[in-house]
Amino acid sequence: MNNTQNWSSTRDDLIKALAKLGYPAELGDMIAEHIGSPRGIERMISYLNYVKPENIELIADEMIAIKSDVDRWREKKEMERANAVYNNVLNYGLDSDDD
């Protein structure tokens, strides 16, 4: 399954979980777009299935918490990549030629 199919399938699962709780499909689309990560969406689905929140405010709070975690993870990965490049420059310099 490619990334687009995975994202679409996970979004559909989110919409089904919300529909079971009586929320409209549009809410699922909005949450999926805001979170922006299939793993984050899966986390939201688990929350919905386990907690079964009775109001939209609880869903919004969890969505914001998940989005924050996803953003922190992405930032951490970007800093790790930048650090690897920096260490490479320190170890080998800017020139790759031996001239």
PDB file of N, CA and C in Angstrom:
ATOM      1  N   MET A   1       0.848  -1.177   0.000  1.00  0.00           N
ATOM      2  CA  MET A   1       0.000   0.000   0.000  1.00  0.00           C
ATOM      3  C   MET A   1       0.894   1.240   0.000  1.00  0.00           C
ATOM      4  N   ASN A   2       0.639   2.153  -0.934  1.00  0.00           N
ATOM      5  CA  ASN A   2       1.466   3.354  -0.979  1.00  0.00           C
ATOM      6  C   ASN A   2       0.982   4.370   0.055  1.00  0.00           C
ATOM      7  N   ASN A   3       1.750   5.429   0.210  1.00  0.00           N
ATOM      8  CA  ASN A   3       1.484   6.413   1.257  1.00  0.00           C
ATOM      9  C   ASN A   3       0.125   7.082   1.084  1.00  0.00           C
ATOM     10  N   THR A   4      -0.257   7.404  -0.160  1.00  0.00           N
ATOM     11  CA  THR A   4      -1.548   8.052  -0.415  1.00  0.00           C
ATOM     12  C   THR A   4      -2.697   7.130  -0.045  1.00  0.00           C
ATOM     13  N   GLN A   5      -2.586   5.862  -0.406  1.00  0.00           N
ATOM     14  CA  GLN A   5      -3.631   4.896  -0.049  1.00  0.00           C
ATOM     15  C   GLN A   5      -3.698   4.707   1.459  1.00  0.00           C
ATOM     16  N   ASN A   6      -2.542   4.662   2.115  1.00  0.00           N
ATOM     17  CA  ASN A   6      -2.497   4.500   3.563  1.00  0.00           C
ATOM     18  C   ASN A   6      -3.168   5.684   4.251  1.00  0.00           C
ATOM     19  N   TRP A   7      -2.846   6.891   3.799  1.00  0.00           N
ATOM     20  CA  TRP A   7      -3.415   8.103   4.374  1.00  0.00           C
ATOM     21  C   TRP A   7      -4.927   8.112   4.170  1.00  0.00           C
ATOM     22  N   SER A   8      -5.369   7.789   2.970  1.00  0.00           N
ATOM     23  CA  SER A   8      -6.793   7.794   2.641  1.00  0.00           C
ATOM     24  C   SER A   8      -7.552   6.741   3.453  1.00  0.00           C
ATOM     25  N   SER A   9      -6.973   5.565   3.570  1.00  0.00           N
ATOM     26  CA  SER A   9      -7.603   4.488   4.338  1.00  0.00           C
ATOM     27  C   SER A   9      -7.708   4.852   5.824  1.00  0.00           C
ATOM     28  N   THR A  10      -6.647   5.449   6.348  1.00  0.00           N
ATOM     29  CA  THR A  10      -6.645   5.850   7.758  1.00  0.00           C
ATOM     30  C   THR A  10      -7.667   6.953   7.995  1.00  0.00           C
ATOM     31  N   ARG A  11      -7.755   7.910   7.064  1.00  0.00           N
ATOM     32  CA  ARG A  11      -8.756   8.975   7.166  1.00  0.00           C
ATOM     33  C   ARG A  11     -10.167   8.396   7.158  1.00  0.00           C
ATOM     34  N   ASP A  12     -10.401   7.414   6.292  1.00  0.00           N
ATOM     35  CA  ASP A  12     -11.719   6.767   6.238  1.00  0.00           C
ATOM     36  C   ASP A  12     -12.049   6.070   7.556  1.00  0.00           C
ATOM     37  N   ASP A  13     -11.045   5.443   8.162  1.00  0.00           N
ATOM     38  CA  ASP A  13     -11.257   4.797   9.462  1.00  0.00           C
ATOM     39  C   ASP A  13     -11.607   5.824  10.533  1.00  0.00           C
ATOM     40  N   LEU A  14     -10.969   6.996  10.462  1.00  0.00           N
ATOM     41  CA  LEU A  14     -11.276   8.070  11.401  1.00  0.00           C
ATOM     42  C   LEU A  14     -12.719   8.538  11.228  1.00  0.00           C
ATOM     43  N   ILE A  15     -13.134   8.714   9.989  1.00  0.00           N
ATOM     44  CA  ILE A  15     -14.507   9.144   9.713  1.00  0.00           C
ATOM     45  C   ILE A  15     -15.507   8.123  10.250  1.00  0.00           C
ATOM     46  N   LYS A  16     -15.220   6.835  10.092  1.00  0.00           N
ATOM     47  CA  LYS A  16     -16.109   5.785  10.614  1.00  0.00           C
ATOM     48  C   LYS A  16     -16.176   5.827  12.140  1.00  0.00           C
ATOM     49  N   ALA A  17     -15.018   6.038  12.785  1.00  0.00           N
ATOM     50  CA  ALA A  17     -14.998   6.107  14.252  1.00  0.00           C
ATOM     51  C   ALA A  17     -15.805   7.294  14.746  1.00  0.00           C
ATOM     52  N   LEU A  18     -15.701   8.416  14.056  1.00  0.00           N
ATOM     53  CA  LEU A  18     -16.479   9.598  14.434  1.00  0.00           C
ATOM     54  C   LEU A  18     -17.971   9.390  14.170  1.00  0.00           C
ATOM     55  N   ALA A  19     -18.290   8.726  13.062  1.00  0.00           N
ATOM     56  CA  ALA A  19     -19.697   8.469  12.735  1.00  0.00           C
ATOM     57  C   ALA A  19     -20.365   7.586  13.792  1.00  0.00           C
ATOM     58  N   LYS A  20     -19.608   6.625  14.324  1.00  0.00           N
ATOM     59  CA  LYS A  20     -20.143   5.774  15.403  1.00  0.00           C
ATOM     60  C   LYS A  20     -20.539   6.599  16.624  1.00  0.00           C
ATOM     61  N   LEU A  21     -19.836   7.718  16.812  1.00  0.00           N
ATOM     62  CA  LEU A  21     -20.112   8.594  17.947  1.00  0.00           C
ATOM     63  C   LEU A  21     -21.128   9.681  17.598  1.00  0.00           C
ATOM     64  N   GLY A  22     -21.580   9.700  16.342  1.00  0.00           N
ATOM     65  CA  GLY A  22     -22.600  10.652  15.935  1.00  0.00           C
ATOM     66  C   GLY A  22     -22.086  11.961  15.368  1.00  0.00           C
ATOM     67  N   TYR A  23     -20.829  12.001  14.990  1.00  0.00           N
ATOM     68  CA  TYR A  23     -20.250  13.226  14.430  1.00  0.00           C
ATOM     69  C   TYR A  23     -20.225  13.147  12.911  1.00  0.00           C
ATOM     70  N   PRO A  24     -20.268  14.307  12.230  1.00  0.00           N
ATOM     71  CA  PRO A  24     -20.297  14.311  10.758  1.00  0.00           C
ATOM     72  C   PRO A  24     -18.942  13.947  10.140  1.00  0.00           C
ATOM     73  N   ALA A  25     -19.008  13.469   8.907  1.00  0.00           N
ATOM     74  CA  ALA A  25     -17.804  13.080   8.174  1.00  0.00           C
ATOM     75  C   ALA A  25     -16.869  14.261   7.969  1.00  0.00           C
ATOM     76  N   GLU A  26     -17.423  15.451   7.821  1.00  0.00           N
ATOM     77  CA  GLU A  26     -16.603  16.643   7.606  1.00  0.00           C
ATOM     78  C   GLU A  26     -15.637  16.867   8.766  1.00  0.00           C
ATOM     79  N   LEU A  27     -16.047  16.512   9.975  1.00  0.00           N
ATOM     80  CA  LEU A  27     -15.165  16.639  11.130  1.00  0.00           C
ATOM     81  C   LEU A  27     -13.957  15.719  10.969  1.00  0.00           C
ATOM     82  N   GLY A  28     -14.179  14.518  10.480  1.00  0.00           N
ATOM     83  CA  GLY A  28     -13.077  13.586  10.242  1.00  0.00           C
ATOM     84  C   GLY A  28     -12.101  14.111   9.215  1.00  0.00           C
ATOM     85  N   ASP A  29     -12.621  14.701   8.144  1.00  0.00           N
ATOM     86  CA  ASP A  29     -11.746  15.288   7.124  1.00  0.00           C
ATOM     87  C   ASP A  29     -10.902  16.412   7.714  1.00  0.00           C
ATOM     88  N   MET A  30     -11.536  17.260   8.519  1.00  0.00           N
ATOM     89  CA  MET A  30     -10.830  18.392   9.113  1.00  0.00           C
ATOM     90  C   MET A  30      -9.746  17.914  10.088  1.00  0.00           C
ATOM     91  N   ILE A  31     -10.074  16.944  10.913  1.00  0.00           N
ATOM     92  CA  ILE A  31      -9.105  16.417  11.875  1.00  0.00           C
ATOM     93  C   ILE A  31      -7.928  15.760  11.153  1.00  0.00           C
ATOM     94  N   ALA A  32      -8.233  14.953  10.141  1.00  0.00           N
ATOM     95  CA  ALA A  32      -7.173  14.269   9.393  1.00  0.00           C
ATOM     96  C   ALA A  32      -6.250  15.275   8.729  1.00  0.00           C
ATOM     97  N   GLU A  33      -6.818  16.313   8.133  1.00  0.00           N
ATOM     98  CA  GLU A  33      -5.993  17.332   7.484  1.00  0.00           C
ATOM     99  C   GLU A  33      -5.148  18.082   8.501  1.00  0.00           C
ATOM    100  N   HIS A  34      -5.720  18.374   9.654  1.00  0.00           N
ATOM    101  CA  HIS A  34      -4.978  19.119  10.674  1.00  0.00           C
ATOM    102  C   HIS A  34      -3.821  18.291  11.252  1.00  0.00           C
ATOM    103  N   ILE A  35      -4.096  17.035  11.561  1.00  0.00           N
ATOM    104  CA  ILE A  35      -3.045  16.178  12.133  1.00  0.00           C
ATOM    105  C   ILE A  35      -1.978  15.896  11.079  1.00  0.00           C
ATOM    106  N   GLY A  36      -2.390  15.522   9.868  1.00  0.00           N
ATOM    107  CA  GLY A  36      -1.464  15.394   8.758  1.00  0.00           C
ATOM    108  C   GLY A  36      -0.539  14.200   8.779  1.00  0.00           C
ATOM    109  N   SER A  37      -0.837  13.202   9.574  1.00  0.00           N
ATOM    110  CA  SER A  37       0.033  12.036   9.671  1.00  0.00           C
ATOM    111  C   SER A  37      -0.820  10.791   9.912  1.00  0.00           C
ATOM    112  N   PRO A  38      -0.638   9.738   9.101  1.00  0.00           N
ATOM    113  CA  PRO A  38      -1.429   8.523   9.330  1.00  0.00           C
ATOM    114  C   PRO A  38      -1.271   7.959  10.745  1.00  0.00           C
ATOM    115  N   ARG A  39      -0.068   8.007  11.282  1.00  0.00           N
ATOM    116  CA  ARG A  39       0.125   7.491  12.646  1.00  0.00           C
ATOM    117  C   ARG A  39      -0.588   8.361  13.674  1.00  0.00           C
ATOM    118  N   GLY A  40      -0.582   9.668  13.455  1.00  0.00           N
ATOM    119  CA  GLY A  40      -1.320  10.569  14.333  1.00  0.00           C
ATOM    120  C   GLY A  40      -2.813  10.332  14.247  1.00  0.00           C
ATOM    121  N   ILE A  41      -3.291  10.086  13.026  1.00  0.00           N
ATOM    122  CA  ILE A  41      -4.717   9.799  12.832  1.00  0.00           C
ATOM    123  C   ILE A  41      -5.083   8.487  13.523  1.00  0.00           C
ATOM    124  N   GLU A  42      -4.207   7.486  13.423  1.00  0.00           N
ATOM    125  CA  GLU A  42      -4.447   6.213  14.119  1.00  0.00           C
ATOM    126  C   GLU A  42      -4.526   6.430  15.627  1.00  0.00           C
ATOM    127  N   ARG A  43      -3.707   7.315  16.140  1.00  0.00           N
ATOM    128  CA  ARG A  43      -3.756   7.635  17.568  1.00  0.00           C
ATOM    129  C   ARG A  43      -5.089   8.278  17.932  1.00  0.00           C
ATOM    130  N   MET A  44      -5.595   9.148  17.056  1.00  0.00           N
ATOM    131  CA  MET A  44      -6.895   9.770  17.293  1.00  0.00           C
ATOM    132  C   MET A  44      -8.011   8.728  17.259  1.00  0.00           C
ATOM    133  N   ILE A  45      -7.927   7.793  16.342  1.00  0.00           N
ATOM    134  CA  ILE A  45      -8.931   6.724  16.263  1.00  0.00           C
ATOM    135  C   ILE A  45      -8.929   5.906  17.559  1.00  0.00           C
ATOM    136  N   SER A  46      -7.756   5.580  18.051  1.00  0.00           N
ATOM    137  CA  SER A  46      -7.659   4.834  19.317  1.00  0.00           C
ATOM    138  C   SER A  46      -8.299   5.617  20.449  1.00  0.00           C
ATOM    139  N   TYR A  47      -8.035   6.917  20.493  1.00  0.00           N
ATOM    140  CA  TYR A  47      -8.637   7.772  21.517  1.00  0.00           C
ATOM    141  C   TYR A  47     -10.163   7.736  21.412  1.00  0.00           C
ATOM    142  N   LEU A  48     -10.677   7.889  20.199  1.00  0.00           N
ATOM    143  CA  LEU A  48     -12.129   7.896  20.015  1.00  0.00           C
ATOM    144  C   LEU A  48     -12.759   6.576  20.430  1.00  0.00           C
ATOM    145  N   ASN A  49     -12.112   5.475  20.068  1.00  0.00           N
ATOM    146  CA  ASN A  49     -12.661   4.154  20.398  1.00  0.00           C
ATOM    147  C   ASN A  49     -12.576   3.838  21.885  1.00  0.00           C
ATOM    148  N   TYR A  50     -11.553   4.322  22.534  1.00  0.00           N
ATOM    149  CA  TYR A  50     -11.348   4.020  23.948  1.00  0.00           C
ATOM    150  C   TYR A  50     -12.121   4.968  24.860  1.00  0.00           C
ATOM    151  N   VAL A  51     -12.005   6.271  24.609  1.00  0.00           N
ATOM    152  CA  VAL A  51     -12.605   7.273  25.498  1.00  0.00           C
ATOM    153  C   VAL A  51     -14.070   7.517  25.171  1.00  0.00           C
ATOM    154  N   LYS A  52     -14.412   7.462  23.884  1.00  0.00           N
ATOM    155  CA  LYS A  52     -15.765   7.775  23.423  1.00  0.00           C
ATOM    156  C   LYS A  52     -16.214   9.142  23.955  1.00  0.00           C
ATOM    157  N   PRO A  53     -15.493  10.197  23.559  1.00  0.00           N
ATOM    158  CA  PRO A  53     -15.787  11.533  24.088  1.00  0.00           C
ATOM    159  C   PRO A  53     -17.215  11.972  23.745  1.00  0.00           C
ATOM    160  N   GLU A  54     -17.836  12.643  24.695  1.00  0.00           N
ATOM    161  CA  GLU A  54     -19.232  13.036  24.527  1.00  0.00           C
ATOM    162  C   GLU A  54     -19.400  14.442  23.969  1.00  0.00           C
ATOM    163  N   ASN A  55     -18.315  15.198  23.863  1.00  0.00           N
ATOM    164  CA  ASN A  55     -18.454  16.524  23.249  1.00  0.00           C
ATOM    165  C   ASN A  55     -17.260  16.827  22.352  1.00  0.00           C
ATOM    166  N   ILE A  56     -17.494  17.746  21.449  1.00  0.00           N
ATOM    167  CA  ILE A  56     -16.496  18.069  20.435  1.00  0.00           C
ATOM    168  C   ILE A  56     -15.267  18.755  21.023  1.00  0.00           C
ATOM    169  N   GLU A  57     -15.431  19.404  22.171  1.00  0.00           N
ATOM    170  CA  GLU A  57     -14.289  20.078  22.802  1.00  0.00           C
ATOM    171  C   GLU A  57     -13.213  19.085  23.206  1.00  0.00           C
ATOM    172  N   LEU A  58     -13.635  17.930  23.704  1.00  0.00           N
ATOM    173  CA  LEU A  58     -12.662  16.891  24.085  1.00  0.00           C
ATOM    174  C   LEU A  58     -11.929  16.360  22.855  1.00  0.00           C
ATOM    175  N   ILE A  59     -12.654  16.212  21.764  1.00  0.00           N
ATOM    176  CA  ILE A  59     -12.035  15.751  20.517  1.00  0.00           C
ATOM    177  C   ILE A  59     -11.031  16.782  20.024  1.00  0.00           C
ATOM    178  N   ALA A  60     -11.412  18.056  20.076  1.00  0.00           N
ATOM    179  CA  ALA A  60     -10.515  19.120  19.630  1.00  0.00           C
ATOM    180  C   ALA A  60      -9.263  19.180  20.495  1.00  0.00           C
ATOM    181  N   ASP A  61      -9.419  19.025  21.803  1.00  0.00           N
ATOM    182  CA  ASP A  61      -8.252  19.029  22.691  1.00  0.00           C
ATOM    183  C   ASP A  61      -7.286  17.900  22.350  1.00  0.00           C
ATOM    184  N   GLU A  62      -7.814  16.716  22.104  1.00  0.00           N
ATOM    185  CA  GLU A  62      -6.954  15.582  21.758  1.00  0.00           C
ATOM    186  C   GLU A  62      -6.298  15.792  20.402  1.00  0.00           C
ATOM    187  N   MET A  63      -7.037  16.351  19.445  1.00  0.00           N
ATOM    188  CA  MET A  63      -6.478  16.629  18.131  1.00  0.00           C
ATOM    189  C   MET A  63      -5.286  17.581  18.256  1.00  0.00           C
ATOM    190  N   ILE A  64      -5.438  18.624  19.068  1.00  0.00           N
ATOM    191  CA  ILE A  64      -4.355  19.588  19.259  1.00  0.00           C
ATOM    192  C   ILE A  64      -3.155  18.926  19.930  1.00  0.00           C
ATOM    193  N   ALA A  65      -3.399  18.064  20.906  1.00  0.00           N
ATOM    194  CA  ALA A  65      -2.306  17.370  21.590  1.00  0.00           C
ATOM    195  C   ALA A  65      -1.553  16.450  20.625  1.00  0.00           C
ATOM    196  N   ILE A  66      -2.291  15.730  19.804  1.00  0.00           N
ATOM    197  CA  ILE A  66      -1.662  14.829  18.844  1.00  0.00           C
ATOM    198  C   ILE A  66      -0.867  15.627  17.815  1.00  0.00           C
ATOM    199  N   LYS A  67      -1.438  16.712  17.299  1.00  0.00           N
ATOM    200  CA  LYS A  67      -0.743  17.556  16.322  1.00  0.00           C
ATOM    201  C   LYS A  67       0.544  18.114  16.917  1.00  0.00           C
ATOM    202  N   SER A  68       0.479  18.512  18.175  1.00  0.00           N
ATOM    203  CA  SER A  68       1.667  19.028  18.850  1.00  0.00           C
ATOM    204  C   SER A  68       2.758  17.960  18.927  1.00  0.00           C
ATOM    205  N   ASP A  69       2.385  16.737  19.262  1.00  0.00           N
ATOM    206  CA  ASP A  69       3.351  15.631  19.319  1.00  0.00           C
ATOM    207  C   ASP A  69       3.956  15.351  17.944  1.00  0.00           C
ATOM    208  N   VAL A  70       3.120  15.353  16.914  1.00  0.00           N
ATOM    209  CA  VAL A  70       3.598  15.116  15.547  1.00  0.00           C
ATOM    210  C   VAL A  70       4.590  16.211  15.151  1.00  0.00           C
ATOM    211  N   ASP A  71       4.251  17.455  15.459  1.00  0.00           N
ATOM    212  CA  ASP A  71       5.144  18.569  15.126  1.00  0.00           C
ATOM    213  C   ASP A  71       6.470  18.460  15.866  1.00  0.00           C
ATOM    214  N   ARG A  72       6.420  18.082  17.148  1.00  0.00           N
ATOM    215  CA  ARG A  72       7.659  17.918  17.924  1.00  0.00           C
ATOM    216  C   ARG A  72       8.522  16.812  17.340  1.00  0.00           C
ATOM    217  N   TRP A  73       7.898  15.717  16.937  1.00  0.00           N
ATOM    218  CA  TRP A  73       8.640  14.599  16.357  1.00  0.00           C
ATOM    219  C   TRP A  73       9.310  15.038  15.054  1.00  0.00           C
ATOM    220  N   ARG A  74       8.555  15.757  14.208  1.00  0.00           N
ATOM    221  CA  ARG A  74       9.130  16.225  12.938  1.00  0.00           C
ATOM    222  C   ARG A  74      10.282  17.194  13.183  1.00  0.00           C
ATOM    223  N   GLU A  75      10.121  18.077  14.148  1.00  0.00           N
ATOM    224  CA  GLU A  75      11.183  19.024  14.484  1.00  0.00           C
ATOM    225  C   GLU A  75      12.425  18.295  14.982  1.00  0.00           C
ATOM    226  N   LYS A  76      12.212  17.278  15.801  1.00  0.00           N
ATOM    227  CA  LYS A  76      13.338  16.495  16.319  1.00  0.00           C
ATOM    228  C   LYS A  76      14.085  15.816  15.169  1.00  0.00           C
ATOM    229  N   LYS A  77      13.352  15.231  14.232  1.00  0.00           N
ATOM    230  CA  LYS A  77      13.990  14.559  13.097  1.00  0.00           C
ATOM    231  C   LYS A  77      14.754  15.551  12.228  1.00  0.00           C
ATOM    232  N   GLU A  78      14.198  16.747  12.040  1.00  0.00           N
ATOM    233  CA  GLU A  78      14.888  17.767  11.259  1.00  0.00           C
ATOM    234  C   GLU A  78      16.171  18.205  11.958  1.00  0.00           C
ATOM    235  N   MET A  79      16.126  18.369  13.278  1.00  0.00           N
ATOM    236  CA  MET A  79      17.325  18.747  14.024  1.00  0.00           C
ATOM    237  C   MET A  79      18.372  17.646  13.957  1.00  0.00           C
ATOM    238  N   GLU A  80      17.958  16.381  13.982  1.00  0.00           N
ATOM    239  CA  GLU A  80      18.903  15.276  13.861  1.00  0.00           C
ATOM    240  C   GLU A  80      19.576  15.289  12.493  1.00  0.00           C
ATOM    241  N   ARG A  81      18.806  15.566  11.431  1.00  0.00           N
ATOM    242  CA  ARG A  81      19.392  15.641  10.086  1.00  0.00           C
ATOM    243  C   ARG A  81      20.384  16.800   9.997  1.00  0.00           C
ATOM    244  N   ALA A  82      19.983  17.944  10.532  1.00  0.00           N
ATOM    245  CA  ALA A  82      20.878  19.117  10.504  1.00  0.00           C
ATOM    246  C   ALA A  82      22.145  18.841  11.305  1.00  0.00           C
ATOM    247  N   ASN A  83      22.019  18.180  12.417  1.00  0.00           N
ATOM    248  CA  ASN A  83      23.184  17.852  13.245  1.00  0.00           C
ATOM    249  C   ASN A  83      24.114  16.888  12.517  1.00  0.00           C
ATOM    250  N   ALA A  84      23.533  15.946  11.790  1.00  0.00           N
ATOM    251  CA  ALA A  84      24.366  15.007  11.028  1.00  0.00           C
ATOM    252  C   ALA A  84      25.158  15.736   9.947  1.00  0.00           C
ATOM    253  N   VAL A  85      24.531  16.686   9.265  1.00  0.00           N
ATOM    254  CA  VAL A  85      25.222  17.472   8.240  1.00  0.00           C
ATOM    255  C   VAL A  85      26.325  18.308   8.882  1.00  0.00           C
ATOM    256  N   TYR A  86      26.014  18.941  10.000  1.00  0.00           N
ATOM    257  CA  TYR A  86      26.992  19.758  10.717  1.00  0.00           C
ATOM    258  C   TYR A  86      28.199  18.916  11.136  1.00  0.00           C
ATOM    259  N   ASN A  87      27.937  17.744  11.700  1.00  0.00           N
ATOM    260  CA  ASN A  87      29.034  16.855  12.102  1.00  0.00           C
ATOM    261  C   ASN A  87      29.863  16.413  10.907  1.00  0.00           C
ATOM    262  N   ASN A  88      29.206  16.189   9.787  1.00  0.00           N
ATOM    263  CA  ASN A  88      29.926  15.818   8.567  1.00  0.00           C
ATOM    264  C   ASN A  88      30.856  16.946   8.130  1.00  0.00           C
ATOM    265  N   VAL A  89      30.380  18.182   8.213  1.00  0.00           N
ATOM    266  CA  VAL A  89      31.217  19.330   7.859  1.00  0.00           C
ATOM    267  C   VAL A  89      32.386  19.436   8.831  1.00  0.00           C
ATOM    268  N   LEU A  90      32.133  19.242  10.126  1.00  0.00           N
ATOM    269  CA  LEU A  90      33.217  19.300  11.111  1.00  0.00           C
ATOM    270  C   LEU A  90      34.265  18.221  10.853  1.00  0.00           C
ATOM    271  N   ASN A  91      33.812  17.037  10.512  1.00  0.00           N
ATOM    272  CA  ASN A  91      34.722  15.908  10.323  1.00  0.00           C
ATOM    273  C   ASN A  91      35.461  15.945   8.987  1.00  0.00           C
ATOM    274  N   TYR A  92      34.790  16.421   7.934  1.00  0.00           N
ATOM    275  CA  TYR A  92      35.379  16.313   6.604  1.00  0.00           C
ATOM    276  C   TYR A  92      35.560  17.653   5.907  1.00  0.00           C
ATOM    277  N   GLY A  93      35.093  18.728   6.509  1.00  0.00           N
ATOM    278  CA  GLY A  93      35.219  20.047   5.899  1.00  0.00           C
ATOM    279  C   GLY A  93      34.178  20.285   4.821  1.00  0.00           C
ATOM    280  N   LEU A  94      34.234  21.481   4.255  1.00  0.00           N
ATOM    281  CA  LEU A  94      33.264  21.837   3.212  1.00  0.00           C
ATOM    282  C   LEU A  94      33.654  21.278   1.856  1.00  0.00           C
ATOM    283  N   ASP A  95      34.959  21.148   1.582  1.00  0.00           N
ATOM    284  CA  ASP A  95      35.408  20.616   0.303  1.00  0.00           C
ATOM    285  C   ASP A  95      35.486  19.104   0.367  1.00  0.00           C
ATOM    286  N   SER A  96      34.965  18.486  -0.679  1.00  0.00           N
ATOM    287  CA  SER A  96      35.101  17.025  -0.756  1.00  0.00           C
ATOM    288  C   SER A  96      36.291  16.643  -1.631  1.00  0.00           C
ATOM    289  N   ASP A  97      36.898  17.655  -2.338  1.00  0.00           N
ATOM    290  CA  ASP A  97      38.061  17.391  -3.185  1.00  0.00           C
ATOM    291  C   ASP A  97      39.327  17.409  -2.334  1.00  0.00           C
ATOM    292  N   ASP A  98      40.315  16.647  -2.748  1.00  0.00           N
ATOM    293  CA  ASP A  98      41.594  16.600  -2.047  1.00  0.00           C
ATOM    294  C   ASP A  98      42.613  17.534  -2.679  1.00  0.00           C
ATOM    295  N   ASP A  99      42.195  18.527  -3.435  1.00  0.00           N
ATOM    296  CA  ASP A  99      43.102  19.432  -4.140  1.00  0.00           C
ATOM    297  C   ASP A  99      43.876  20.303  -3.202  1.00  0.00           C
TER     298      ASP A  99
END
